[in-house]
Amino acid sequence: IRATSKESIDGLRAQLDLLRAGGTDDAPLRPRSGLADAEVLVRRIR
């Protein structure tokens, strides 16, 4: 629960940073996930 909560909060913070930046050139890059992260996802589901 602690690990999942931290990951969700980090993802929420990244999205809020994008909203605050308002699409300017200083906006942080939106974190991308991919199939390489599937192992961590599956482990959590298991």
PDB file of all heavy atoms in Angstrom:
ATOM      1  N   ILE A   1       0.840  -1.200   0.000  1.00  0.00           N
ATOM      2  CA  ILE A   1       0.000   0.000   0.000  1.00  0.00           C
ATOM      3  C   ILE A   1       0.878   1.254   0.000  1.00  0.00           C
ATOM      4  O   ILE A   1       0.610   2.216  -0.725  1.00  0.00           O
ATOM      5  CB  ILE A   1      -0.940   0.000   1.216  1.00  0.00           C
ATOM      6  CG1 ILE A   1      -2.013  -1.084   1.051  1.00  0.00           C
ATOM      7  CG2 ILE A   1      -1.590   1.362   1.413  1.00  0.00           C
ATOM      8  CD1 ILE A   1      -2.896  -1.261   2.263  1.00  0.00           C
ATOM      9  N   ARG A   2       1.936   1.236   0.823  1.00  0.00           N
ATOM     10  CA  ARG A   2       2.822   2.394   0.872  1.00  0.00           C
ATOM     11  C   ARG A   2       3.494   2.649  -0.475  1.00  0.00           C
ATOM     12  O   ARG A   2       3.535   3.792  -0.954  1.00  0.00           O
ATOM     13  CB  ARG A   2       3.889   2.185   1.952  1.00  0.00           C
ATOM     14  CG  ARG A   2       4.844   3.364   2.085  1.00  0.00           C
ATOM     15  CD  ARG A   2       5.843   3.143   3.186  1.00  0.00           C
ATOM     16  NE  ARG A   2       6.695   1.984   2.893  1.00  0.00           N
ATOM     17  CZ  ARG A   2       7.671   1.540   3.697  1.00  0.00           C
ATOM     18  NH1 ARG A   2       7.893   2.166   4.848  1.00  0.00           N
ATOM     19  NH2 ARG A   2       8.393   0.499   3.359  1.00  0.00           N
ATOM     20  N   ALA A   3       3.988   1.594  -1.122  1.00  0.00           N
ATOM     21  CA  ALA A   3       4.654   1.764  -2.414  1.00  0.00           C
ATOM     22  C   ALA A   3       3.680   2.247  -3.487  1.00  0.00           C
ATOM     23  O   ALA A   3       3.995   3.145  -4.285  1.00  0.00           O
ATOM     24  CB  ALA A   3       5.293   0.442  -2.843  1.00  0.00           C
ATOM     25  N   THR A   4       2.482   1.661  -3.499  1.00  0.00           N
ATOM     26  CA  THR A   4       1.486   2.068  -4.497  1.00  0.00           C
ATOM     27  C   THR A   4       1.039   3.503  -4.264  1.00  0.00           C
ATOM     28  O   THR A   4       0.861   4.281  -5.211  1.00  0.00           O
ATOM     29  CB  THR A   4       0.278   1.126  -4.450  1.00  0.00           C
ATOM     30  OG1 THR A   4       0.714  -0.222  -4.652  1.00  0.00           O
ATOM     31  CG2 THR A   4      -0.724   1.489  -5.530  1.00  0.00           C
ATOM     32  N   SER A   5       0.859   3.878  -3.004  1.00  0.00           N
ATOM     33  CA  SER A   5       0.451   5.246  -2.691  1.00  0.00           C
ATOM     34  C   SER A   5       1.505   6.236  -3.153  1.00  0.00           C
ATOM     35  O   SER A   5       1.181   7.281  -3.739  1.00  0.00           O
ATOM     36  CB  SER A   5       0.221   5.406  -1.186  1.00  0.00           C
ATOM     37  OG  SER A   5      -0.787   4.519  -0.747  1.00  0.00           O
ATOM     38  N   LYS A   6       2.773   5.926  -2.904  1.00  0.00           N
ATOM     39  CA  LYS A   6       3.843   6.841  -3.320  1.00  0.00           C
ATOM     40  C   LYS A   6       3.865   7.000  -4.834  1.00  0.00           C
ATOM     41  O   LYS A   6       4.001   8.104  -5.366  1.00  0.00           O
ATOM     42  CB  LYS A   6       5.194   6.316  -2.833  1.00  0.00           C
ATOM     43  CG  LYS A   6       6.362   7.227  -3.187  1.00  0.00           C
ATOM     44  CD  LYS A   6       7.660   6.672  -2.656  1.00  0.00           C
ATOM     45  CE  LYS A   6       8.807   7.652  -2.960  1.00  0.00           C
ATOM     46  NZ  LYS A   6       8.936   7.920  -4.393  1.00  0.00           N
ATOM     47  N   GLU A   7       3.702   5.878  -5.542  1.00  0.00           N
ATOM     48  CA  GLU A   7       3.712   5.948  -7.007  1.00  0.00           C
ATOM     49  C   GLU A   7       2.535   6.770  -7.521  1.00  0.00           C
ATOM     50  O   GLU A   7       2.686   7.588  -8.448  1.00  0.00           O
ATOM     51  CB  GLU A   7       3.668   4.540  -7.594  1.00  0.00           C
ATOM     52  CG  GLU A   7       3.685   4.521  -9.104  1.00  0.00           C
ATOM     53  CD  GLU A   7       3.647   3.098  -9.648  1.00  0.00           C
ATOM     54  OE1 GLU A   7       4.001   2.171  -8.900  1.00  0.00           O
ATOM     55  OE2 GLU A   7       3.251   2.927 -10.815  1.00  0.00           O
ATOM     56  N   SER A   8       1.358   6.585  -6.926  1.00  0.00           N
ATOM     57  CA  SER A   8       0.185   7.343  -7.364  1.00  0.00           C
ATOM     58  C   SER A   8       0.348   8.821  -7.065  1.00  0.00           C
ATOM     59  O   SER A   8      -0.015   9.677  -7.889  1.00  0.00           O
ATOM     60  CB  SER A   8      -1.067   6.800  -6.674  1.00  0.00           C
ATOM     61  OG  SER A   8      -1.305   5.452  -7.038  1.00  0.00           O
ATOM     62  N   ILE A   9       0.897   9.146  -5.907  1.00  0.00           N
ATOM     63  CA  ILE A   9       1.102  10.557  -5.553  1.00  0.00           C
ATOM     64  C   ILE A   9       2.119  11.193  -6.487  1.00  0.00           C
ATOM     65  O   ILE A   9       1.951  12.340  -6.923  1.00  0.00           O
ATOM     66  CB  ILE A   9       1.543  10.669  -4.082  1.00  0.00           C
ATOM     67  CG1 ILE A   9       0.379  10.289  -3.161  1.00  0.00           C
ATOM     68  CG2 ILE A   9       2.027  12.083  -3.776  1.00  0.00           C
ATOM     69  CD1 ILE A   9       0.755  10.213  -1.703  1.00  0.00           C
ATOM     70  N   ASP A  10       3.177  10.459  -6.823  1.00  0.00           N
ATOM     71  CA  ASP A  10       4.171  10.990  -7.763  1.00  0.00           C
ATOM     72  C   ASP A  10       3.546  11.256  -9.132  1.00  0.00           C
ATOM     73  O   ASP A  10       3.828  12.289  -9.765  1.00  0.00           O
ATOM     74  CB  ASP A  10       5.337  10.006  -7.902  1.00  0.00           C
ATOM     75  CG  ASP A  10       6.198   9.944  -6.642  1.00  0.00           C
ATOM     76  OD1 ASP A  10       6.095  10.868  -5.818  1.00  0.00           O
ATOM     77  OD2 ASP A  10       6.949   8.953  -6.491  1.00  0.00           O
ATOM     78  N   GLY A  11       2.701  10.324  -9.568  1.00  0.00           N
ATOM     79  CA  GLY A  11       2.030  10.531 -10.849  1.00  0.00           C
ATOM     80  C   GLY A  11       1.092  11.724 -10.812  1.00  0.00           C
ATOM     81  O   GLY A  11       1.033  12.517 -11.758  1.00  0.00           O
ATOM     82  N   LEU A  12       0.364  11.880  -9.696  1.00  0.00           N
ATOM     83  CA  LEU A  12      -0.538  13.026  -9.554  1.00  0.00           C
ATOM     84  C   LEU A  12       0.253  14.326  -9.527  1.00  0.00           C
ATOM     85  O   LEU A  12      -0.140  15.316 -10.152  1.00  0.00           O
ATOM     86  CB  LEU A  12      -1.351  12.870  -8.271  1.00  0.00           C
ATOM     87  CG  LEU A  12      -2.298  14.032  -7.919  1.00  0.00           C
ATOM     88  CD1 LEU A  12      -3.320  14.232  -9.012  1.00  0.00           C
ATOM     89  CD2 LEU A  12      -2.981  13.770  -6.579  1.00  0.00           C
ATOM     90  N   ARG A  13       1.378  14.339  -8.819  1.00  0.00           N
ATOM     91  CA  ARG A  13       2.196  15.555  -8.751  1.00  0.00           C
ATOM     92  C   ARG A  13       2.715  15.939 -10.134  1.00  0.00           C
ATOM     93  O   ARG A  13       2.751  17.116 -10.495  1.00  0.00           O
ATOM     94  CB  ARG A  13       3.350  15.344  -7.779  1.00  0.00           C
ATOM     95  CG  ARG A  13       4.197  16.589  -7.573  1.00  0.00           C
ATOM     96  CD  ARG A  13       5.304  16.358  -6.573  1.00  0.00           C
ATOM     97  NE  ARG A  13       4.765  16.108  -5.235  1.00  0.00           N
ATOM     98  CZ  ARG A  13       4.863  14.948  -4.582  1.00  0.00           C
ATOM     99  NH1 ARG A  13       5.474  13.918  -5.157  1.00  0.00           N
ATOM    100  NH2 ARG A  13       4.350  14.807  -3.381  1.00  0.00           N
ATOM    101  N   ALA A  14       3.129  14.937 -10.912  1.00  0.00           N
ATOM    102  CA  ALA A  14       3.628  15.230 -12.261  1.00  0.00           C
ATOM    103  C   ALA A  14       2.537  15.840 -13.131  1.00  0.00           C
ATOM    104  O   ALA A  14       2.779  16.790 -13.884  1.00  0.00           O
ATOM    105  CB  ALA A  14       4.162  13.945 -12.904  1.00  0.00           C
ATOM    106  N   GLN A  15       1.307  15.327 -13.025  1.00  0.00           N
ATOM    107  CA  GLN A  15       0.210  15.882 -13.805  1.00  0.00           C
ATOM    108  C   GLN A  15      -0.135  17.300 -13.347  1.00  0.00           C
ATOM    109  O   GLN A  15      -0.420  18.182 -14.174  1.00  0.00           O
ATOM    110  CB  GLN A  15      -1.028  14.982 -13.684  1.00  0.00           C
ATOM    111  CG  GLN A  15      -0.860  13.604 -14.286  1.00  0.00           C
ATOM    112  CD  GLN A  15      -0.667  13.653 -15.788  1.00  0.00           C
ATOM    113  OE1 GLN A  15      -1.145  14.568 -16.451  1.00  0.00           O
ATOM    114  NE2 GLN A  15       0.032  12.677 -16.330  1.00  0.00           N
ATOM    115  N   LEU A  16      -0.095  17.554 -12.055  1.00  0.00           N
ATOM    116  CA  LEU A  16      -0.374  18.895 -11.554  1.00  0.00           C
ATOM    117  C   LEU A  16       0.704  19.880 -11.990  1.00  0.00           C
ATOM    118  O   LEU A  16       0.414  21.050 -12.264  1.00  0.00           O
ATOM    119  CB  LEU A  16      -0.481  18.867 -10.025  1.00  0.00           C
ATOM    120  CG  LEU A  16      -1.704  18.134  -9.455  1.00  0.00           C
ATOM    121  CD1 LEU A  16      -1.662  18.132  -7.935  1.00  0.00           C
ATOM    122  CD2 LEU A  16      -2.993  18.778  -9.946  1.00  0.00           C
ATOM    123  N   ASP A  17       1.951  19.426 -12.058  1.00  0.00           N
ATOM    124  CA  ASP A  17       3.017  20.298 -12.562  1.00  0.00           C
ATOM    125  C   ASP A  17       2.748  20.703 -13.998  1.00  0.00           C
ATOM    126  O   ASP A  17       2.992  21.850 -14.401  1.00  0.00           O
ATOM    127  CB  ASP A  17       4.368  19.592 -12.447  1.00  0.00           C
ATOM    128  CG  ASP A  17       4.841  19.482 -11.001  1.00  0.00           C
ATOM    129  OD1 ASP A  17       4.325  20.243 -10.167  1.00  0.00           O
ATOM    130  OD2 ASP A  17       5.720  18.642 -10.723  1.00  0.00           O
ATOM    131  N   LEU A  18       2.246  19.765 -14.788  1.00  0.00           N
ATOM    132  CA  LEU A  18       1.903  20.088 -16.172  1.00  0.00           C
ATOM    133  C   LEU A  18       0.771  21.106 -16.233  1.00  0.00           C
ATOM    134  O   LEU A  18       0.796  22.042 -17.042  1.00  0.00           O
ATOM    135  CB  LEU A  18       1.487  18.806 -16.917  1.00  0.00           C
ATOM    136  CG  LEU A  18       2.613  17.891 -17.398  1.00  0.00           C
ATOM    137  CD1 LEU A  18       2.021  16.625 -17.993  1.00  0.00           C
ATOM    138  CD2 LEU A  18       3.482  18.586 -18.421  1.00  0.00           C
ATOM    139  N   LEU A  19      -0.228  20.935 -15.376  1.00  0.00           N
ATOM    140  CA  LEU A  19      -1.346  21.878 -15.374  1.00  0.00           C
ATOM    141  C   LEU A  19      -0.892  23.272 -14.953  1.00  0.00           C
ATOM    142  O   LEU A  19      -1.314  24.273 -15.531  1.00  0.00           O
ATOM    143  CB  LEU A  19      -2.437  21.376 -14.419  1.00  0.00           C
ATOM    144  CG  LEU A  19      -3.276  20.189 -14.907  1.00  0.00           C
ATOM    145  CD1 LEU A  19      -4.172  19.695 -13.791  1.00  0.00           C
ATOM    146  CD2 LEU A  19      -4.101  20.577 -16.112  1.00  0.00           C
ATOM    147  N   ARG A  20      -0.032  23.337 -13.955  1.00  0.00           N
ATOM    148  CA  ARG A  20       0.452  24.644 -13.510  1.00  0.00           C
ATOM    149  C   ARG A  20       1.286  25.321 -14.579  1.00  0.00           C
ATOM    150  O   ARG A  20       1.254  26.540 -14.724  1.00  0.00           O
ATOM    151  CB  ARG A  20       1.275  24.487 -12.235  1.00  0.00           C
ATOM    152  CG  ARG A  20       0.474  24.045 -11.021  1.00  0.00           C
ATOM    153  CD  ARG A  20       1.288  24.162  -9.755  1.00  0.00           C
ATOM    154  NE  ARG A  20       0.571  23.598  -8.603  1.00  0.00           N
ATOM    155  CZ  ARG A  20       0.811  22.413  -8.104  1.00  0.00           C
ATOM    156  NH1 ARG A  20       1.737  21.631  -8.641  1.00  0.00           N
ATOM    157  NH2 ARG A  20       0.125  21.975  -7.066  1.00  0.00           N
ATOM    158  N   ALA A  21       2.074  24.537 -15.324  1.00  0.00           N
ATOM    159  CA  ALA A  21       2.921  25.113 -16.366  1.00  0.00           C
ATOM    160  C   ALA A  21       2.088  25.682 -17.502  1.00  0.00           C
ATOM    161  O   ALA A  21       2.543  26.557 -18.236  1.00  0.00           O
ATOM    162  CB  ALA A  21       3.901  24.072 -16.893  1.00  0.00           C
ATOM    163  N   GLY A  22       0.861  25.194 -17.676  1.00  0.00           N
ATOM    164  CA  GLY A  22      -0.044  25.755 -18.677  1.00  0.00           C
ATOM    165  C   GLY A  22       0.409  25.579 -20.102  1.00  0.00           C
ATOM    166  O   GLY A  22       0.075  26.357 -20.980  1.00  0.00           O
ATOM    167  N   GLY A  23       1.207  24.564 -20.417  1.00  0.00           N
ATOM    168  CA  GLY A  23       1.622  24.312 -21.791  1.00  0.00           C
ATOM    169  C   GLY A  23       2.726  25.218 -22.278  1.00  0.00           C
ATOM    170  O   GLY A  23       2.940  25.347 -23.479  1.00  0.00           O
ATOM    171  N   THR A  24       3.469  25.901 -21.354  1.00  0.00           N
ATOM    172  CA  THR A  24       4.556  26.763 -21.780  1.00  0.00           C
ATOM    173  C   THR A  24       5.782  25.939 -22.104  1.00  0.00           C
ATOM    174  O   THR A  24       5.832  24.734 -21.895  1.00  0.00           O
ATOM    175  CB  THR A  24       4.877  27.771 -20.664  1.00  0.00           C
ATOM    176  OG1 THR A  24       5.347  27.046 -19.508  1.00  0.00           O
ATOM    177  CG2 THR A  24       3.639  28.559 -20.280  1.00  0.00           C
ATOM    178  N   ASP A  25       6.823  26.633 -22.585  1.00  0.00           N
ATOM    179  CA  ASP A  25       8.058  25.948 -22.922  1.00  0.00           C
ATOM    180  C   ASP A  25       8.737  25.371 -21.693  1.00  0.00           C
ATOM    181  O   ASP A  25       9.568  24.462 -21.799  1.00  0.00           O
ATOM    182  CB  ASP A  25       9.022  26.906 -23.637  1.00  0.00           C
ATOM    183  CG  ASP A  25       8.485  27.338 -24.988  1.00  0.00           C
ATOM    184  OD1 ASP A  25       7.647  26.596 -25.533  1.00  0.00           O
ATOM    185  OD2 ASP A  25       8.890  28.407 -25.485  1.00  0.00           O
ATOM    186  N   ASP A  26       8.406  25.922 -20.494  1.00  0.00           N
ATOM    187  CA  ASP A  26       9.016  25.438 -19.266  1.00  0.00           C
ATOM    188  C   ASP A  26       8.269  24.258 -18.667  1.00  0.00           C
ATOM    189  O   ASP A  26       8.635  23.763 -17.600  1.00  0.00           O
ATOM    190  CB  ASP A  26       9.068  26.563 -18.222  1.00  0.00           C
ATOM    191  CG  ASP A  26       9.945  27.721 -18.692  1.00  0.00           C
ATOM    192  OD1 ASP A  26      10.895  27.454 -19.452  1.00  0.00           O
ATOM    193  OD2 ASP A  26       9.677  28.871 -18.298  1.00  0.00           O
ATOM    194  N   ALA A  27       7.216  23.810 -19.348  1.00  0.00           N
ATOM    195  CA  ALA A  27       6.427  22.704 -18.819  1.00  0.00           C
ATOM    196  C   ALA A  27       7.265  21.441 -18.777  1.00  0.00           C
ATOM    197  O   ALA A  27       7.979  21.121 -19.726  1.00  0.00           O
ATOM    198  CB  ALA A  27       5.180  22.467 -19.686  1.00  0.00           C
ATOM    199  N   PRO A  28       7.206  20.688 -17.666  1.00  0.00           N
ATOM    200  CA  PRO A  28       7.959  19.437 -17.605  1.00  0.00           C
ATOM    201  C   PRO A  28       7.387  18.422 -18.567  1.00  0.00           C
ATOM    202  O   PRO A  28       6.206  18.442 -18.895  1.00  0.00           O
ATOM    203  CB  PRO A  28       7.771  19.003 -16.138  1.00  0.00           C
ATOM    204  CG  PRO A  28       6.476  19.638 -15.719  1.00  0.00           C
ATOM    205  CD  PRO A  28       6.415  20.944 -16.458  1.00  0.00           C
ATOM    206  N   LEU A  29       8.227  17.531 -19.010  1.00  0.00           N
ATOM    207  CA  LEU A  29       7.767  16.490 -19.917  1.00  0.00           C
ATOM    208  C   LEU A  29       6.849  15.537 -19.172  1.00  0.00           C
ATOM    209  O   LEU A  29       7.126  15.130 -18.040  1.00  0.00           O
ATOM    210  CB  LEU A  29       8.959  15.724 -20.499  1.00  0.00           C
ATOM    211  CG  LEU A  29       9.894  16.530 -21.405  1.00  0.00           C
ATOM    212  CD1 LEU A  29      11.067  15.662 -21.844  1.00  0.00           C
ATOM    213  CD2 LEU A  29       9.150  17.061 -22.612  1.00  0.00           C
ATOM    214  N   ARG A  30       5.741  15.186 -19.799  1.00  0.00           N
ATOM    215  CA  ARG A  30       4.810  14.248 -19.175  1.00  0.00           C
ATOM    216  C   ARG A  30       5.453  12.868 -19.093  1.00  0.00           C
ATOM    217  O   ARG A  30       5.924  12.341 -20.101  1.00  0.00           O
ATOM    218  CB  ARG A  30       3.527  14.179 -20.017  1.00  0.00           C
ATOM    219  CG  ARG A  30       2.463  13.290 -19.408  1.00  0.00           C
ATOM    220  CD  ARG A  30       1.112  13.600 -20.033  1.00  0.00           C
ATOM    221  NE  ARG A  30       1.120  13.491 -21.461  1.00  0.00           N
ATOM    222  CZ  ARG A  30       0.830  12.368 -22.125  1.00  0.00           C
ATOM    223  NH1 ARG A  30       0.542  11.270 -21.449  1.00  0.00           N
ATOM    224  NH2 ARG A  30       0.838  12.346 -23.436  1.00  0.00           N
ATOM    225  N   PRO A  31       5.527  12.293 -17.876  1.00  0.00           N
ATOM    226  CA  PRO A  31       6.194  10.998 -17.742  1.00  0.00           C
ATOM    227  C   PRO A  31       5.486   9.951 -18.571  1.00  0.00           C
ATOM    228  O   PRO A  31       4.267   9.815 -18.542  1.00  0.00           O
ATOM    229  CB  PRO A  31       6.096  10.711 -16.241  1.00  0.00           C
ATOM    230  CG  PRO A  31       4.943  11.539 -15.759  1.00  0.00           C
ATOM    231  CD  PRO A  31       4.940  12.764 -16.620  1.00  0.00           C
ATOM    232  N   ARG A  32       6.254   9.188 -19.305  1.00  0.00           N
ATOM    233  CA  ARG A  32       5.705   8.146 -20.165  1.00  0.00           C
ATOM    234  C   ARG A  32       6.005   6.773 -19.569  1.00  0.00           C
ATOM    235  O   ARG A  32       7.095   6.523 -19.067  1.00  0.00           O
ATOM    236  CB  ARG A  32       6.298   8.222 -21.574  1.00  0.00           C
ATOM    237  CG  ARG A  32       5.795   9.408 -22.393  1.00  0.00           C
ATOM    238  CD  ARG A  32       6.370   9.341 -23.799  1.00  0.00           C
ATOM    239  NE  ARG A  32       5.885  10.414 -24.652  1.00  0.00           N
ATOM    240  CZ  ARG A  32       4.766  10.365 -25.372  1.00  0.00           C
ATOM    241  NH1 ARG A  32       4.009   9.278 -25.306  1.00  0.00           N
ATOM    242  NH2 ARG A  32       4.390  11.375 -26.121  1.00  0.00           N
ATOM    243  N   SER A  33       5.006   5.921 -19.633  1.00  0.00           N
ATOM    244  CA  SER A  33       5.186   4.524 -19.259  1.00  0.00           C
ATOM    245  C   SER A  33       5.103   3.692 -20.523  1.00  0.00           C
ATOM    246  O   SER A  33       4.570   4.136 -21.545  1.00  0.00           O
ATOM    247  CB  SER A  33       4.116   4.092 -18.255  1.00  0.00           C
ATOM    248  OG  SER A  33       4.165   4.901 -17.086  1.00  0.00           O
ATOM    249  N   GLY A  34       5.634   2.480 -20.443  1.00  0.00           N
ATOM    250  CA  GLY A  34       5.619   1.606 -21.602  1.00  0.00           C
ATOM    251  C   GLY A  34       5.597   0.149 -21.188  1.00  0.00           C
ATOM    252  O   GLY A  34       5.552  -0.180 -19.991  1.00  0.00           O
ATOM    253  N   LEU A  35       5.633  -0.722 -22.163  1.00  0.00           N
ATOM    254  CA  LEU A  35       5.576  -2.148 -21.878  1.00  0.00           C
ATOM    255  C   LEU A  35       6.764  -2.620 -21.057  1.00  0.00           C
ATOM    256  O   LEU A  35       6.696  -3.682 -20.425  1.00  0.00           O
ATOM    257  CB  LEU A  35       5.491  -2.932 -23.190  1.00  0.00           C
ATOM    258  CG  LEU A  35       4.171  -2.775 -23.966  1.00  0.00           C
ATOM    259  CD1 LEU A  35       4.242  -3.533 -25.281  1.00  0.00           C
ATOM    260  CD2 LEU A  35       2.991  -3.268 -23.132  1.00  0.00           C
ATOM    261  N   ALA A  36       7.851  -1.845 -21.053  1.00  0.00           N
ATOM    262  CA  ALA A  36       8.992  -2.209 -20.213  1.00  0.00           C
ATOM    263  C   ALA A  36       8.635  -2.143 -18.732  1.00  0.00           C
ATOM    264  O   ALA A  36       9.309  -2.755 -17.893  1.00  0.00           O
ATOM    265  CB  ALA A  36      10.169  -1.283 -20.510  1.00  0.00           C
ATOM    266  N   ASP A  37       7.569  -1.383 -18.389  1.00  0.00           N
ATOM    267  CA  ASP A  37       7.124  -1.290 -16.998  1.00  0.00           C
ATOM    268  C   ASP A  37       6.085  -2.343 -16.647  1.00  0.00           C
ATOM    269  O   ASP A  37       5.547  -2.330 -15.530  1.00  0.00           O
ATOM    270  CB  ASP A  37       6.521   0.100 -16.745  1.00  0.00           C
ATOM    271  CG  ASP A  37       7.494   1.217 -17.071  1.00  0.00           C
ATOM    272  OD1 ASP A  37       8.633   1.146 -16.599  1.00  0.00           O
ATOM    273  OD2 ASP A  37       7.109   2.153 -17.809  1.00  0.00           O
ATOM    274  N   ALA A  38       5.786  -3.233 -17.571  1.00  0.00           N
ATOM    275  CA  ALA A  38       4.733  -4.220 -17.338  1.00  0.00           C
ATOM    276  C   ALA A  38       5.088  -5.160 -16.183  1.00  0.00           C
ATOM    277  O   ALA A  38       4.190  -5.621 -15.458  1.00  0.00           O
ATOM    278  CB  ALA A  38       4.472  -5.026 -18.608  1.00  0.00           C
ATOM    279  N   GLU A  39       6.373  -5.463 -16.000  1.00  0.00           N
ATOM    280  CA  GLU A  39       6.768  -6.393 -14.936  1.00  0.00           C
ATOM    281  C   GLU A  39       6.370  -5.874 -13.561  1.00  0.00           C
ATOM    282  O   GLU A  39       5.826  -6.614 -12.735  1.00  0.00           O
ATOM    283  CB  GLU A  39       8.272  -6.628 -14.996  1.00  0.00           C
ATOM    284  CG  GLU A  39       8.769  -7.628 -13.958  1.00  0.00           C
ATOM    285  CD  GLU A  39      10.262  -7.870 -14.053  1.00  0.00           C
ATOM    286  OE1 GLU A  39      10.880  -7.363 -15.011  1.00  0.00           O
ATOM    287  OE2 GLU A  39      10.797  -8.553 -13.169  1.00  0.00           O
ATOM    288  N   VAL A  40       6.620  -4.568 -13.312  1.00  0.00           N
ATOM    289  CA  VAL A  40       6.240  -3.985 -12.028  1.00  0.00           C
ATOM    290  C   VAL A  40       4.721  -3.981 -11.875  1.00  0.00           C
ATOM    291  O   VAL A  40       4.180  -4.287 -10.799  1.00  0.00           O
ATOM    292  CB  VAL A  40       6.790  -2.547 -11.930  1.00  0.00           C
ATOM    293  CG1 VAL A  40       6.320  -1.881 -10.645  1.00  0.00           C
ATOM    294  CG2 VAL A  40       8.305  -2.550 -12.004  1.00  0.00           C
ATOM    295  N   LEU A  41       4.016  -3.682 -12.965  1.00  0.00           N
ATOM    296  CA  LEU A  41       2.552  -3.665 -12.929  1.00  0.00           C
ATOM    297  C   LEU A  41       2.006  -5.049 -12.600  1.00  0.00           C
ATOM    298  O   LEU A  41       1.136  -5.203 -11.725  1.00  0.00           O
ATOM    299  CB  LEU A  41       2.019  -3.189 -14.276  1.00  0.00           C
ATOM    300  CG  LEU A  41       0.514  -3.277 -14.495  1.00  0.00           C
ATOM    301  CD1 LEU A  41      -0.230  -2.360 -13.532  1.00  0.00           C
ATOM    302  CD2 LEU A  41       0.168  -2.924 -15.942  1.00  0.00           C
ATOM    303  N   VAL A  42       2.528  -6.066 -13.265  1.00  0.00           N
ATOM    304  CA  VAL A  42       2.025  -7.427 -13.052  1.00  0.00           C
ATOM    305  C   VAL A  42       2.340  -7.898 -11.644  1.00  0.00           C
ATOM    306  O   VAL A  42       1.517  -8.572 -10.989  1.00  0.00           O
ATOM    307  CB  VAL A  42       2.631  -8.369 -14.109  1.00  0.00           C
ATOM    308  CG1 VAL A  42       2.320  -9.818 -13.757  1.00  0.00           C
ATOM    309  CG2 VAL A  42       2.092  -8.030 -15.494  1.00  0.00           C
ATOM    310  N   ARG A  43       3.523  -7.539 -11.149  1.00  0.00           N
ATOM    311  CA  ARG A  43       3.890  -7.944  -9.783  1.00  0.00           C
ATOM    312  C   ARG A  43       2.907  -7.361  -8.778  1.00  0.00           C
ATOM    313  O   ARG A  43       2.514  -8.017  -7.807  1.00  0.00           O
ATOM    314  CB  ARG A  43       5.307  -7.470  -9.482  1.00  0.00           C
ATOM    315  CG  ARG A  43       5.848  -8.014  -8.153  1.00  0.00           C
ATOM    316  CD  ARG A  43       7.191  -7.413  -7.806  1.00  0.00           C
ATOM    317  NE  ARG A  43       8.097  -7.495  -8.943  1.00  0.00           N
ATOM    318  CZ  ARG A  43       8.773  -6.471  -9.415  1.00  0.00           C
ATOM    319  NH1 ARG A  43       8.626  -5.262  -8.862  1.00  0.00           N
ATOM    320  NH2 ARG A  43       9.601  -6.602 -10.433  1.00  0.00           N
ATOM    321  N   ARG A  44       2.500  -6.123  -9.006  1.00  0.00           N
ATOM    322  CA  ARG A  44       1.558  -5.483  -8.096  1.00  0.00           C
ATOM    323  C   ARG A  44       0.193  -6.168  -8.153  1.00  0.00           C
ATOM    324  O   ARG A  44      -0.470  -6.355  -7.132  1.00  0.00           O
ATOM    325  CB  ARG A  44       1.429  -4.006  -8.458  1.00  0.00           C
ATOM    326  CG  ARG A  44       0.682  -3.180  -7.443  1.00  0.00           C
ATOM    327  CD  ARG A  44       0.579  -1.735  -7.889  1.00  0.00           C
ATOM    328  NE  ARG A  44       1.887  -1.167  -8.110  1.00  0.00           N
ATOM    329  CZ  ARG A  44       2.275  -0.587  -9.239  1.00  0.00           C
ATOM    330  NH1 ARG A  44       1.413  -0.496 -10.240  1.00  0.00           N
ATOM    331  NH2 ARG A  44       3.481  -0.096  -9.370  1.00  0.00           N
ATOM    332  N   ILE A  45      -0.243  -6.553  -9.353  1.00  0.00           N
ATOM    333  CA  ILE A  45      -1.536  -7.239  -9.491  1.00  0.00           C
ATOM    334  C   ILE A  45      -1.479  -8.616  -8.830  1.00  0.00           C
ATOM    335  O   ILE A  45      -2.424  -9.051  -8.156  1.00  0.00           O
ATOM    336  CB  ILE A  45      -1.910  -7.366 -10.978  1.00  0.00           C
ATOM    337  CG1 ILE A  45      -2.095  -5.980 -11.606  1.00  0.00           C
ATOM    338  CG2 ILE A  45      -3.181  -8.182 -11.146  1.00  0.00           C
ATOM    339  CD1 ILE A  45      -3.208  -5.161 -11.006  1.00  0.00           C
ATOM    340  N   ARG A  46      -0.371  -9.304  -9.002  1.00  0.00           N
ATOM    341  CA  ARG A  46      -0.224 -10.625  -8.366  1.00  0.00           C
ATOM    342  C   ARG A  46      -0.265 -10.511  -6.858  1.00  0.00           C
ATOM    343  O   ARG A  46      -0.860 -11.367  -6.178  1.00  0.00           O
ATOM    344  CB  ARG A  46       1.089 -11.252  -8.808  1.00  0.00           C
ATOM    345  CG  ARG A  46       1.074 -11.794 -10.234  1.00  0.00           C
ATOM    346  CD  ARG A  46       2.458 -12.203 -10.661  1.00  0.00           C
ATOM    347  NE  ARG A  46       2.459 -12.809 -12.009  1.00  0.00           N
ATOM    348  CZ  ARG A  46       3.551 -13.003 -12.725  1.00  0.00           C
ATOM    349  NH1 ARG A  46       4.747 -12.611 -12.250  1.00  0.00           N
ATOM    350  NH2 ARG A  46       3.462 -13.560 -13.917  1.00  0.00           N
TER     351      ARG A  46
END
